[in-house]
Amino acid sequence: MLFYQIQIIFQILVLILQVKYSKSLLYGRCSTLNNKLLTRLCIAQYPREIKLRYLDDHVIPNLNYAVFRVNDQNNHYFITHDLSDIHNCTNNLKILEADFLQCDQSVIKLKSARMVCLKHRTYVADELIDYCLGSWGTITKFVAMHYNEPSKLLKQASNKGKQLKDKLKFKFYLLHILWLLKSFLLHLINK
């Protein structure tokens, strides 16, 4: 009986939240997403080449990301990074806040999130969408780059960056030693 009452109270709270947040609280450049429904196009893993080309500090290679398109705008996209419940939503995703979303009638509350909205063509977004879809030629006019738990992502990216920097240092020193060795051998040969 108590379980049933708790379940009813929970359902009432969800309904109250849905009514309270039935209108998006997005502002500024992200207001483009207000009251818009999105459909998931694909899920992929962040390519290493794109990470190296654009140096996005909020991602690491092979991080899962999902691409959504605004239903009534073919060139307006939402790209969410790092696996979350958002990835399970295939239709009717509505962004209320960066960390508060709605999929059909279900509420998705994230621990923390960050969203950056750009109202112009963004080549990194074009490439991520093309890579995910396996086609080429996407031209974005609006993109929302969404990062789930950005502090965790920054820490992971920082660790990966340090490892990459250490590898590059090692290669530099190795090349420098080889160059010195070559110079020394040439000097011996010329004597």
Foldseek 3Di string as FASTA:
>chain_A
DVVVVVVVVVVVVLVVVCVVLVWAPDDDLVCVQTPWKKFWDFKFFADPVLCVVPVDLQADGGWIKTKIAGPVDRQAIEIETHDDCVVVAGTGWGHRDLQWIQRPSDIGGAPDKDKDKDQAWDVSVQVVVCVGNVHHDRTHRMYIYMYGPRVVSNVVSVVVVVVVVVVVVVVVVVVVVVVVVVVVVVVVVVD
